[in-house]
Amino acid sequence: MKAFVITIKDNPQSIKVAERCIESGWRHELQIKMFDAITPKDNPVELLKTRGIDPVQFDEKYSRNLNCISAFLSHYALWEACSKGKENFVIFEHDAVMVAPLPFVFPNYVMNMGKPSYGKWNTPPMLGINPLTTKRYFPGAHAYMVTPAGARLLVENAPLYAKPTDVYLNLTTFPWLQECYPFVAE
């Protein structure tokens, strides 16, 4: 298994909180490596288009457009890498911290492991792996595990359904999404 924290390398604050994420991983026996985030400087609209994804899919009122596209592409780059290998990836956003060890069971495809970061949400009905219950979409894409098969499905469906990462990971498009409870990251 490989673990990554998406980090904006030219932003000292991003590096600082990513280092905090890495340290929390060590406390829970997970080696997390920094992954270079795609940023607005990387021309994310063109990067989307080269992947056959229409940038209009990211027009929404809750995010700054170029930042939102850049974040999605950072996750997407990790999905691409995971889809070409044989190992599960654990993906963190720079401001996540682990508060418990990873579960001993693994997802079928993609499993949220992060405590919801905004809004109202439902508590999963049992300990361990559940179908996605907190919301109809990931309650923040700050901590999750993806299998190579799950990563392939995320990449293959992006041209049709891409949108902000947490909203892209939704039960309508991916009815097999899971989550681990209690959450291992916040």
N, C-alpha and C. Protein backbone atom coordinates (compact mmCIF):
# COMPACT_ATOMS: atom_id res chain seq x y z
N MET A 1 0.84 -1.17 0.00
CA MET A 1 0.00 0.00 0.00
C MET A 1 0.89 1.23 0.00
N LYS A 2 0.45 2.25 -0.76
CA LYS A 2 1.16 3.51 -0.82
C LYS A 2 0.25 4.60 -0.26
N ALA A 3 0.85 5.59 0.38
CA ALA A 3 0.07 6.70 0.95
C ALA A 3 0.70 8.02 0.53
N PHE A 4 -0.15 8.97 0.16
CA PHE A 4 0.29 10.27 -0.32
C PHE A 4 -0.52 11.39 0.31
N VAL A 5 0.15 12.53 0.50
CA VAL A 5 -0.54 13.74 0.92
C VAL A 5 -0.31 14.77 -0.18
N ILE A 6 -1.39 15.26 -0.75
CA ILE A 6 -1.33 16.25 -1.82
C ILE A 6 -0.85 17.57 -1.20
N THR A 7 0.27 18.09 -1.74
CA THR A 7 0.95 19.23 -1.14
C THR A 7 1.29 20.28 -2.19
N ILE A 8 1.00 21.53 -1.90
CA ILE A 8 1.37 22.63 -2.78
C ILE A 8 2.80 23.00 -2.41
N LYS A 9 3.75 22.54 -3.20
CA LYS A 9 5.18 22.62 -2.84
C LYS A 9 5.73 24.04 -2.75
N ASP A 10 5.10 25.02 -3.41
CA ASP A 10 5.62 26.39 -3.29
C ASP A 10 4.82 27.22 -2.28
N ASN A 11 4.08 26.53 -1.41
CA ASN A 11 3.29 27.20 -0.39
C ASN A 11 3.76 26.71 0.99
N PRO A 12 4.46 27.54 1.75
CA PRO A 12 5.00 27.10 3.05
C PRO A 12 3.92 26.58 4.01
N GLN A 13 2.74 27.17 3.99
CA GLN A 13 1.67 26.70 4.87
C GLN A 13 1.21 25.29 4.47
N SER A 14 1.10 25.02 3.17
CA SER A 14 0.73 23.69 2.70
C SER A 14 1.78 22.66 3.12
N ILE A 15 3.04 23.02 2.98
CA ILE A 15 4.11 22.11 3.39
C ILE A 15 4.03 21.84 4.89
N LYS A 16 3.79 22.88 5.66
CA LYS A 16 3.72 22.73 7.12
C LYS A 16 2.59 21.78 7.53
N VAL A 17 1.40 21.95 6.96
CA VAL A 17 0.29 21.06 7.36
C VAL A 17 0.47 19.66 6.76
N ALA A 18 1.10 19.56 5.59
CA ALA A 18 1.39 18.24 5.02
C ALA A 18 2.38 17.49 5.91
N GLU A 19 3.36 18.20 6.44
CA GLU A 19 4.31 17.56 7.38
C GLU A 19 3.58 17.07 8.62
N ARG A 20 2.58 17.82 9.07
CA ARG A 20 1.77 17.38 10.21
C ARG A 20 1.02 16.10 9.86
N CYS A 21 0.50 16.00 8.62
CA CYS A 21 -0.18 14.79 8.16
C CYS A 21 0.80 13.61 8.16
N ILE A 22 1.99 13.84 7.64
CA ILE A 22 3.01 12.78 7.58
C ILE A 22 3.36 12.30 8.99
N GLU A 23 3.53 13.23 9.92
CA GLU A 23 3.83 12.87 11.31
C GLU A 23 2.69 12.05 11.92
N SER A 24 1.46 12.42 11.63
CA SER A 24 0.33 11.66 12.16
C SER A 24 0.32 10.25 11.58
N GLY A 25 0.77 10.11 10.34
CA GLY A 25 0.88 8.78 9.74
C GLY A 25 1.89 7.92 10.48
N TRP A 26 3.05 8.50 10.80
CA TRP A 26 4.06 7.75 11.54
C TRP A 26 3.51 7.24 12.86
N ARG A 27 2.71 8.06 13.54
CA ARG A 27 2.13 7.64 14.83
C ARG A 27 1.18 6.44 14.66
N HIS A 28 0.66 6.27 13.45
CA HIS A 28 -0.27 5.17 13.19
C HIS A 28 0.29 4.17 12.18
N GLU A 29 1.64 4.13 12.13
CA GLU A 29 2.37 3.14 11.33
C GLU A 29 2.03 3.17 9.84
N LEU A 30 1.89 4.38 9.31
CA LEU A 30 1.67 4.56 7.88
C LEU A 30 2.69 5.57 7.37
N GLN A 31 3.47 5.17 6.38
CA GLN A 31 4.43 6.08 5.77
C GLN A 31 3.73 6.84 4.65
N ILE A 32 3.60 8.15 4.84
CA ILE A 32 2.91 9.02 3.88
C ILE A 32 3.97 9.87 3.19
N LYS A 33 3.89 9.95 1.86
CA LYS A 33 4.82 10.77 1.09
C LYS A 33 4.10 11.98 0.50
N MET A 34 4.83 13.08 0.38
CA MET A 34 4.25 14.26 -0.27
C MET A 34 4.09 13.99 -1.76
N PHE A 35 2.98 14.51 -2.29
CA PHE A 35 2.70 14.43 -3.73
C PHE A 35 2.50 15.86 -4.22
N ASP A 36 3.23 16.23 -5.26
CA ASP A 36 3.14 17.59 -5.82
C ASP A 36 1.75 17.89 -6.34
N ALA A 37 1.09 18.85 -5.73
CA ALA A 37 -0.24 19.27 -6.18
C ALA A 37 -0.16 19.98 -7.52
N ILE A 38 -1.18 19.81 -8.30
CA ILE A 38 -1.36 20.63 -9.49
C ILE A 38 -2.00 21.93 -8.99
N THR A 39 -1.53 23.06 -9.50
CA THR A 39 -2.02 24.36 -9.06
C THR A 39 -2.47 25.18 -10.27
N PRO A 40 -3.12 26.30 -10.05
CA PRO A 40 -3.51 27.16 -11.18
C PRO A 40 -2.34 27.55 -12.08
N LYS A 41 -1.13 27.56 -11.56
CA LYS A 41 0.06 27.88 -12.37
C LYS A 41 0.31 26.83 -13.46
N ASP A 42 -0.25 25.63 -13.28
CA ASP A 42 -0.01 24.51 -14.21
C ASP A 42 -0.99 24.48 -15.38
N ASN A 43 -1.81 25.53 -15.51
CA ASN A 43 -2.81 25.62 -16.58
C ASN A 43 -3.80 24.44 -16.51
N PRO A 44 -4.53 24.34 -15.41
CA PRO A 44 -5.41 23.18 -15.20
C PRO A 44 -6.52 23.03 -16.24
N VAL A 45 -7.00 24.12 -16.82
CA VAL A 45 -8.05 24.00 -17.83
C VAL A 45 -7.53 23.21 -19.02
N GLU A 46 -6.31 23.51 -19.46
CA GLU A 46 -5.73 22.75 -20.57
C GLU A 46 -5.48 21.30 -20.18
N LEU A 47 -5.03 21.08 -18.94
CA LEU A 47 -4.80 19.71 -18.48
C LEU A 47 -6.10 18.90 -18.49
N LEU A 48 -7.21 19.55 -18.10
CA LEU A 48 -8.52 18.87 -18.17
C LEU A 48 -8.85 18.48 -19.60
N LYS A 49 -8.70 19.45 -20.49
CA LYS A 49 -9.06 19.22 -21.89
C LYS A 49 -8.25 18.09 -22.51
N THR A 50 -6.97 17.97 -22.14
CA THR A 50 -6.15 16.88 -22.69
C THR A 50 -6.62 15.51 -22.21
N ARG A 51 -7.41 15.50 -21.14
CA ARG A 51 -7.96 14.25 -20.61
C ARG A 51 -9.42 14.03 -21.06
N GLY A 52 -9.88 14.91 -21.94
CA GLY A 52 -11.23 14.78 -22.45
C GLY A 52 -12.30 15.21 -21.47
N ILE A 53 -11.95 16.08 -20.53
CA ILE A 53 -12.88 16.54 -19.49
C ILE A 53 -13.24 18.00 -19.77
N ASP A 54 -14.53 18.30 -19.82
CA ASP A 54 -15.01 19.65 -20.09
C ASP A 54 -14.91 20.51 -18.82
N PRO A 55 -14.17 21.61 -18.86
CA PRO A 55 -14.03 22.47 -17.68
C PRO A 55 -15.35 23.02 -17.15
N VAL A 56 -16.37 23.10 -18.01
CA VAL A 56 -17.68 23.62 -17.58
C VAL A 56 -18.27 22.78 -16.45
N GLN A 57 -17.86 21.52 -16.35
CA GLN A 57 -18.35 20.63 -15.29
C GLN A 57 -17.94 21.11 -13.90
N PHE A 58 -17.02 22.06 -13.83
CA PHE A 58 -16.53 22.56 -12.54
C PHE A 58 -17.10 23.92 -12.18
N ASP A 59 -18.02 24.43 -13.00
CA ASP A 59 -18.65 25.71 -12.69
C ASP A 59 -19.68 25.48 -11.59
N GLU A 60 -19.38 25.97 -10.41
CA GLU A 60 -20.30 25.86 -9.27
C GLU A 60 -20.00 26.97 -8.28
N LYS A 61 -20.92 27.23 -7.38
CA LYS A 61 -20.82 28.43 -6.54
C LYS A 61 -19.97 28.27 -5.28
N TYR A 62 -19.58 27.04 -4.92
CA TYR A 62 -18.89 26.84 -3.64
C TYR A 62 -17.37 26.85 -3.71
N SER A 63 -16.80 26.92 -4.90
CA SER A 63 -15.34 26.83 -5.03
C SER A 63 -14.82 27.86 -6.03
N ARG A 64 -13.56 28.20 -5.85
CA ARG A 64 -12.87 29.00 -6.87
C ARG A 64 -12.50 28.05 -8.00
N ASN A 65 -12.92 28.38 -9.20
CA ASN A 65 -12.87 27.47 -10.33
C ASN A 65 -11.49 26.85 -10.57
N LEU A 66 -10.45 27.66 -10.74
CA LEU A 66 -9.14 27.10 -11.04
C LEU A 66 -8.57 26.29 -9.89
N ASN A 67 -8.84 26.70 -8.66
CA ASN A 67 -8.39 25.92 -7.50
C ASN A 67 -9.11 24.58 -7.46
N CYS A 68 -10.39 24.60 -7.74
CA CYS A 68 -11.20 23.38 -7.73
C CYS A 68 -10.72 22.39 -8.80
N ILE A 69 -10.48 22.90 -9.99
CA ILE A 69 -9.98 22.05 -11.08
C ILE A 69 -8.60 21.51 -10.73
N SER A 70 -7.76 22.35 -10.17
CA SER A 70 -6.41 21.91 -9.79
C SER A 70 -6.47 20.81 -8.75
N ALA A 71 -7.32 20.97 -7.75
CA ALA A 71 -7.46 19.93 -6.72
C ALA A 71 -7.94 18.63 -7.34
N PHE A 72 -8.95 18.70 -8.20
CA PHE A 72 -9.45 17.50 -8.86
C PHE A 72 -8.32 16.82 -9.64
N LEU A 73 -7.56 17.59 -10.39
CA LEU A 73 -6.48 17.01 -11.19
C LEU A 73 -5.37 16.40 -10.33
N SER A 74 -5.16 16.94 -9.14
CA SER A 74 -4.19 16.34 -8.22
C SER A 74 -4.65 14.94 -7.80
N HIS A 75 -5.92 14.82 -7.45
CA HIS A 75 -6.48 13.51 -7.12
C HIS A 75 -6.43 12.60 -8.35
N TYR A 76 -6.83 13.14 -9.49
CA TYR A 76 -6.88 12.38 -10.73
C TYR A 76 -5.50 11.80 -11.07
N ALA A 77 -4.45 12.59 -10.89
CA ALA A 77 -3.09 12.10 -11.17
C ALA A 77 -2.76 10.89 -10.29
N LEU A 78 -3.18 10.92 -9.04
CA LEU A 78 -2.96 9.78 -8.16
C LEU A 78 -3.81 8.58 -8.58
N TRP A 79 -5.06 8.83 -9.03
CA TRP A 79 -5.88 7.72 -9.53
C TRP A 79 -5.23 7.07 -10.74
N GLU A 80 -4.70 7.91 -11.64
CA GLU A 80 -4.02 7.36 -12.82
C GLU A 80 -2.86 6.46 -12.41
N ALA A 81 -2.04 6.93 -11.48
CA ALA A 81 -0.90 6.15 -11.02
C ALA A 81 -1.36 4.85 -10.36
N CYS A 82 -2.35 4.94 -9.50
CA CYS A 82 -2.87 3.76 -8.81
C CYS A 82 -3.44 2.75 -9.81
N SER A 83 -4.14 3.25 -10.82
CA SER A 83 -4.80 2.36 -11.79
C SER A 83 -3.82 1.53 -12.60
N LYS A 84 -2.58 1.99 -12.67
CA LYS A 84 -1.55 1.29 -13.46
C LYS A 84 -0.74 0.30 -12.63
N GLY A 85 -1.02 0.23 -11.33
CA GLY A 85 -0.25 -0.64 -10.45
C GLY A 85 -1.08 -1.73 -9.83
N LYS A 86 -0.56 -2.30 -8.76
CA LYS A 86 -1.23 -3.40 -8.08
C LYS A 86 -1.48 -3.10 -6.60
N GLU A 87 -1.15 -1.86 -6.17
CA GLU A 87 -1.29 -1.51 -4.76
C GLU A 87 -2.41 -0.51 -4.54
N ASN A 88 -3.06 -0.64 -3.39
CA ASN A 88 -4.03 0.37 -2.97
C ASN A 88 -3.27 1.65 -2.65
N PHE A 89 -3.93 2.79 -2.86
CA PHE A 89 -3.39 4.09 -2.47
C PHE A 89 -4.27 4.66 -1.36
N VAL A 90 -3.64 5.27 -0.39
CA VAL A 90 -4.34 6.09 0.60
C VAL A 90 -4.00 7.53 0.23
N ILE A 91 -5.02 8.34 0.05
CA ILE A 91 -4.83 9.71 -0.42
C ILE A 91 -5.35 10.69 0.64
N PHE A 92 -4.49 11.62 0.99
CA PHE A 92 -4.84 12.67 1.96
C PHE A 92 -4.68 14.02 1.28
N GLU A 93 -5.51 14.96 1.67
CA GLU A 93 -5.27 16.35 1.33
C GLU A 93 -4.37 16.92 2.42
N HIS A 94 -3.67 17.99 2.12
CA HIS A 94 -2.60 18.47 3.01
C HIS A 94 -3.04 18.79 4.43
N ASP A 95 -4.30 19.15 4.63
CA ASP A 95 -4.72 19.55 5.98
C ASP A 95 -5.35 18.41 6.79
N ALA A 96 -5.27 17.18 6.29
CA ALA A 96 -5.81 16.03 7.04
C ALA A 96 -4.78 15.53 8.04
N VAL A 97 -5.27 14.94 9.12
CA VAL A 97 -4.41 14.26 10.08
C VAL A 97 -5.04 12.92 10.43
N MET A 98 -4.18 11.93 10.62
CA MET A 98 -4.68 10.63 11.06
C MET A 98 -4.91 10.68 12.57
N VAL A 99 -6.04 10.12 13.00
CA VAL A 99 -6.36 10.07 14.43
C VAL A 99 -6.48 8.63 14.92
N ALA A 100 -6.35 7.67 14.00
CA ALA A 100 -6.43 6.25 14.34
C ALA A 100 -5.73 5.47 13.23
N PRO A 101 -5.37 4.21 13.51
CA PRO A 101 -4.73 3.41 12.46
C PRO A 101 -5.71 3.04 11.34
N LEU A 102 -5.14 2.67 10.20
CA LEU A 102 -5.97 2.19 9.09
C LEU A 102 -6.72 0.94 9.50
N PRO A 103 -7.86 0.68 8.89
CA PRO A 103 -8.60 -0.55 9.18
C PRO A 103 -7.85 -1.76 8.63
N PHE A 104 -8.17 -2.93 9.13
CA PHE A 104 -7.53 -4.16 8.66
C PHE A 104 -8.21 -4.72 7.42
N VAL A 105 -9.33 -4.17 7.07
CA VAL A 105 -10.05 -4.60 5.86
C VAL A 105 -9.95 -3.50 4.83
N PHE A 106 -10.03 -3.88 3.57
CA PHE A 106 -9.84 -2.92 2.50
C PHE A 106 -11.09 -2.81 1.65
N PRO A 107 -11.22 -1.69 0.95
CA PRO A 107 -12.43 -1.46 0.16
C PRO A 107 -12.48 -2.32 -1.09
N ASN A 108 -13.67 -2.43 -1.64
CA ASN A 108 -13.81 -3.05 -2.95
C ASN A 108 -13.21 -2.14 -4.01
N TYR A 109 -13.51 -0.85 -3.92
CA TYR A 109 -13.04 0.11 -4.91
C TYR A 109 -12.51 1.39 -4.25
N VAL A 110 -13.40 2.15 -3.60
CA VAL A 110 -13.02 3.43 -3.00
C VAL A 110 -13.74 3.57 -1.65
N MET A 111 -12.98 3.96 -0.61
CA MET A 111 -13.55 4.06 0.73
C MET A 111 -13.13 5.36 1.41
N ASN A 112 -14.11 6.17 1.80
CA ASN A 112 -13.85 7.36 2.60
C ASN A 112 -13.36 6.92 3.98
N MET A 113 -12.37 7.62 4.50
CA MET A 113 -11.87 7.36 5.86
C MET A 113 -11.81 8.63 6.69
N GLY A 114 -12.29 9.75 6.11
CA GLY A 114 -12.19 11.04 6.79
C GLY A 114 -13.51 11.47 7.39
N LYS A 115 -13.43 11.99 8.60
CA LYS A 115 -14.60 12.55 9.26
C LYS A 115 -15.13 13.69 8.40
N PRO A 116 -16.45 13.77 8.22
CA PRO A 116 -17.01 14.85 7.40
C PRO A 116 -16.46 16.21 7.83
N SER A 117 -16.11 17.02 6.85
CA SER A 117 -15.47 18.29 7.14
C SER A 117 -16.41 19.49 7.06
N TYR A 118 -17.65 19.25 6.66
CA TYR A 118 -18.58 20.38 6.56
C TYR A 118 -20.02 19.86 6.51
N GLY A 119 -20.94 20.71 6.92
CA GLY A 119 -22.37 20.42 6.80
C GLY A 119 -22.89 19.33 7.73
N LYS A 120 -24.16 19.02 7.54
CA LYS A 120 -24.80 17.95 8.32
C LYS A 120 -24.49 16.62 7.67
N TRP A 121 -24.43 15.57 8.49
CA TRP A 121 -24.13 14.24 7.97
C TRP A 121 -24.73 13.17 8.86
N ASN A 122 -24.88 11.98 8.29
CA ASN A 122 -25.43 10.83 9.00
C ASN A 122 -24.28 10.00 9.58
N THR A 123 -24.50 9.44 10.76
CA THR A 123 -23.52 8.55 11.36
C THR A 123 -23.68 7.16 10.74
N PRO A 124 -22.58 6.54 10.29
CA PRO A 124 -22.68 5.18 9.75
C PRO A 124 -23.30 4.24 10.78
N PRO A 125 -24.04 3.23 10.32
CA PRO A 125 -24.81 2.38 11.24
C PRO A 125 -23.99 1.39 12.05
N MET A 126 -22.77 1.06 11.61
CA MET A 126 -22.00 0.07 12.36
C MET A 126 -20.51 0.38 12.24
N LEU A 127 -19.73 -0.24 13.11
CA LEU A 127 -18.28 -0.10 13.05
C LEU A 127 -17.74 -0.89 11.88
N GLY A 128 -16.65 -0.41 11.30
CA GLY A 128 -16.04 -1.11 10.17
C GLY A 128 -16.44 -0.47 8.86
N ILE A 129 -16.42 -1.27 7.80
CA ILE A 129 -16.75 -0.76 6.48
C ILE A 129 -18.26 -0.78 6.27
N ASN A 130 -18.76 0.35 5.83
CA ASN A 130 -20.19 0.55 5.54
C ASN A 130 -20.32 1.05 4.11
N PRO A 131 -21.51 0.91 3.52
CA PRO A 131 -21.76 1.69 2.31
C PRO A 131 -21.64 3.17 2.68
N LEU A 132 -21.34 4.03 1.72
CA LEU A 132 -21.25 5.46 2.00
C LEU A 132 -22.58 5.90 2.61
N THR A 133 -22.53 6.41 3.83
CA THR A 133 -23.72 6.73 4.60
C THR A 133 -23.78 8.19 5.02
N THR A 134 -22.63 8.80 5.29
CA THR A 134 -22.62 10.15 5.86
C THR A 134 -23.36 11.15 4.99
N LYS A 135 -23.15 11.04 3.67
CA LYS A 135 -23.81 11.91 2.69
C LYS A 135 -23.94 11.10 1.40
N ARG A 136 -24.57 11.66 0.39
CA ARG A 136 -24.69 10.99 -0.91
C ARG A 136 -23.41 11.14 -1.73
N TYR A 137 -22.47 11.94 -1.23
CA TYR A 137 -21.18 12.16 -1.87
C TYR A 137 -20.15 12.19 -0.75
N PHE A 138 -18.88 12.09 -1.10
CA PHE A 138 -17.85 12.09 -0.07
C PHE A 138 -17.94 13.38 0.76
N PRO A 139 -17.88 13.24 2.07
CA PRO A 139 -17.98 14.41 2.96
C PRO A 139 -16.65 15.15 3.07
N GLY A 140 -16.06 15.44 1.94
CA GLY A 140 -14.71 15.98 1.86
C GLY A 140 -13.83 14.86 1.30
N ALA A 141 -12.90 15.20 0.43
CA ALA A 141 -12.03 14.17 -0.15
C ALA A 141 -10.66 14.22 0.53
N HIS A 142 -10.65 14.43 1.84
CA HIS A 142 -9.40 14.65 2.55
C HIS A 142 -8.71 13.39 3.02
N ALA A 143 -9.41 12.24 3.00
CA ALA A 143 -8.77 10.98 3.44
C ALA A 143 -9.58 9.82 2.90
N TYR A 144 -9.00 9.07 1.98
CA TYR A 144 -9.70 7.91 1.44
C TYR A 144 -8.71 6.90 0.87
N MET A 145 -9.18 5.69 0.68
CA MET A 145 -8.38 4.63 0.11
C MET A 145 -9.01 4.22 -1.22
N VAL A 146 -8.15 3.96 -2.20
CA VAL A 146 -8.64 3.55 -3.52
C VAL A 146 -7.83 2.33 -3.97
N THR A 147 -8.51 1.36 -4.55
CA THR A 147 -7.85 0.19 -5.12
C THR A 147 -7.52 0.49 -6.59
N PRO A 148 -6.63 -0.29 -7.20
CA PRO A 148 -6.37 -0.07 -8.62
C PRO A 148 -7.64 -0.18 -9.48
N ALA A 149 -8.51 -1.13 -9.17
CA ALA A 149 -9.77 -1.26 -9.93
C ALA A 149 -10.65 -0.03 -9.72
N GLY A 150 -10.72 0.46 -8.49
CA GLY A 150 -11.50 1.66 -8.20
C GLY A 150 -10.92 2.88 -8.91
N ALA A 151 -9.60 2.98 -8.92
CA ALA A 151 -8.95 4.11 -9.59
C ALA A 151 -9.24 4.10 -11.09
N ARG A 152 -9.24 2.90 -11.69
CA ARG A 152 -9.57 2.82 -13.13
C ARG A 152 -10.98 3.32 -13.38
N LEU A 153 -11.92 2.95 -12.52
CA LEU A 153 -13.30 3.41 -12.69
C LEU A 153 -13.42 4.92 -12.54
N LEU A 154 -12.68 5.49 -11.60
CA LEU A 154 -12.71 6.95 -11.41
C LEU A 154 -12.15 7.67 -12.63
N VAL A 155 -11.06 7.16 -13.19
CA VAL A 155 -10.45 7.77 -14.37
C VAL A 155 -11.36 7.61 -15.58
N GLU A 156 -11.90 6.42 -15.78
CA GLU A 156 -12.75 6.16 -16.95
C GLU A 156 -14.02 7.01 -16.96
N ASN A 157 -14.57 7.29 -15.79
CA ASN A 157 -15.83 8.04 -15.71
C ASN A 157 -15.64 9.55 -15.67
N ALA A 158 -14.43 10.02 -15.48
CA ALA A 158 -14.18 11.46 -15.34
C ALA A 158 -14.63 12.27 -16.55
N PRO A 159 -14.39 11.83 -17.80
CA PRO A 159 -14.84 12.67 -18.92
C PRO A 159 -16.35 12.94 -18.92
N LEU A 160 -17.13 12.01 -18.40
CA LEU A 160 -18.59 12.21 -18.38
C LEU A 160 -19.10 12.92 -17.13
N TYR A 161 -18.49 12.64 -15.99
CA TYR A 161 -19.08 13.05 -14.72
C TYR A 161 -18.21 13.93 -13.83
N ALA A 162 -17.03 14.32 -14.27
CA ALA A 162 -16.12 15.07 -13.40
C ALA A 162 -16.78 16.33 -12.86
N LYS A 163 -16.42 16.64 -11.63
CA LYS A 163 -16.84 17.85 -10.92
C LYS A 163 -15.94 17.97 -9.71
N PRO A 164 -16.14 18.91 -8.82
CA PRO A 164 -15.27 18.98 -7.64
C PRO A 164 -15.13 17.60 -7.00
N THR A 165 -13.92 17.27 -6.57
CA THR A 165 -13.57 15.91 -6.18
C THR A 165 -14.56 15.26 -5.23
N ASP A 166 -14.90 15.93 -4.14
CA ASP A 166 -15.79 15.30 -3.17
C ASP A 166 -17.18 15.05 -3.75
N VAL A 167 -17.64 15.93 -4.63
CA VAL A 167 -18.96 15.77 -5.24
C VAL A 167 -18.91 14.73 -6.37
N TYR A 168 -17.78 14.63 -7.05
CA TYR A 168 -17.60 13.60 -8.08
C TYR A 168 -17.73 12.21 -7.46
N LEU A 169 -17.22 12.05 -6.25
CA LEU A 169 -17.29 10.77 -5.55
C LEU A 169 -18.67 10.65 -4.90
N ASN A 170 -19.67 10.29 -5.71
CA ASN A 170 -21.06 10.28 -5.24
C ASN A 170 -21.73 8.94 -5.54
N LEU A 171 -22.80 8.66 -4.82
CA LEU A 171 -23.50 7.38 -4.94
C LEU A 171 -24.28 7.21 -6.23
N THR A 172 -24.67 8.29 -6.87
CA THR A 172 -25.39 8.16 -8.13
C THR A 172 -24.46 7.61 -9.21
N THR A 173 -23.26 8.15 -9.29
CA THR A 173 -22.29 7.70 -10.28
C THR A 173 -21.59 6.42 -9.84
N PHE A 174 -21.29 6.31 -8.56
CA PHE A 174 -20.54 5.18 -8.02
C PHE A 174 -21.29 4.57 -6.83
N PRO A 175 -22.31 3.75 -7.07
CA PRO A 175 -23.15 3.23 -5.98
C PRO A 175 -22.40 2.30 -5.02
N TRP A 176 -21.21 1.91 -5.36
CA TRP A 176 -20.41 1.00 -4.55
C TRP A 176 -19.47 1.71 -3.58
N LEU A 177 -19.52 3.04 -3.48
CA LEU A 177 -18.64 3.77 -2.56
C LEU A 177 -18.86 3.29 -1.13
N GLN A 178 -17.77 3.24 -0.37
CA GLN A 178 -17.82 2.78 1.01
C GLN A 178 -17.19 3.82 1.93
N GLU A 179 -17.37 3.61 3.23
CA GLU A 179 -16.64 4.41 4.20
C GLU A 179 -16.36 3.57 5.44
N CYS A 180 -15.29 3.95 6.10
CA CYS A 180 -14.84 3.26 7.30
C CYS A 180 -15.24 4.08 8.52
N TYR A 181 -15.83 3.41 9.49
CA TYR A 181 -16.24 4.08 10.72
C TYR A 181 -15.81 3.25 11.91
N PRO A 182 -15.19 3.81 12.94
CA PRO A 182 -14.94 5.23 13.12
C PRO A 182 -13.90 5.73 12.12
N PHE A 183 -13.97 7.03 11.86
CA PHE A 183 -13.08 7.65 10.89
C PHE A 183 -11.64 7.64 11.40
N VAL A 184 -10.71 7.43 10.49
CA VAL A 184 -9.29 7.38 10.89
C VAL A 184 -8.58 8.70 10.64
N ALA A 185 -9.27 9.66 10.04
CA ALA A 185 -8.64 10.95 9.77
C ALA A 185 -9.64 12.07 9.93
N GLU A 186 -9.13 13.24 10.23
CA GLU A 186 -9.96 14.46 10.34
C GLU A 186 -9.30 15.57 9.56
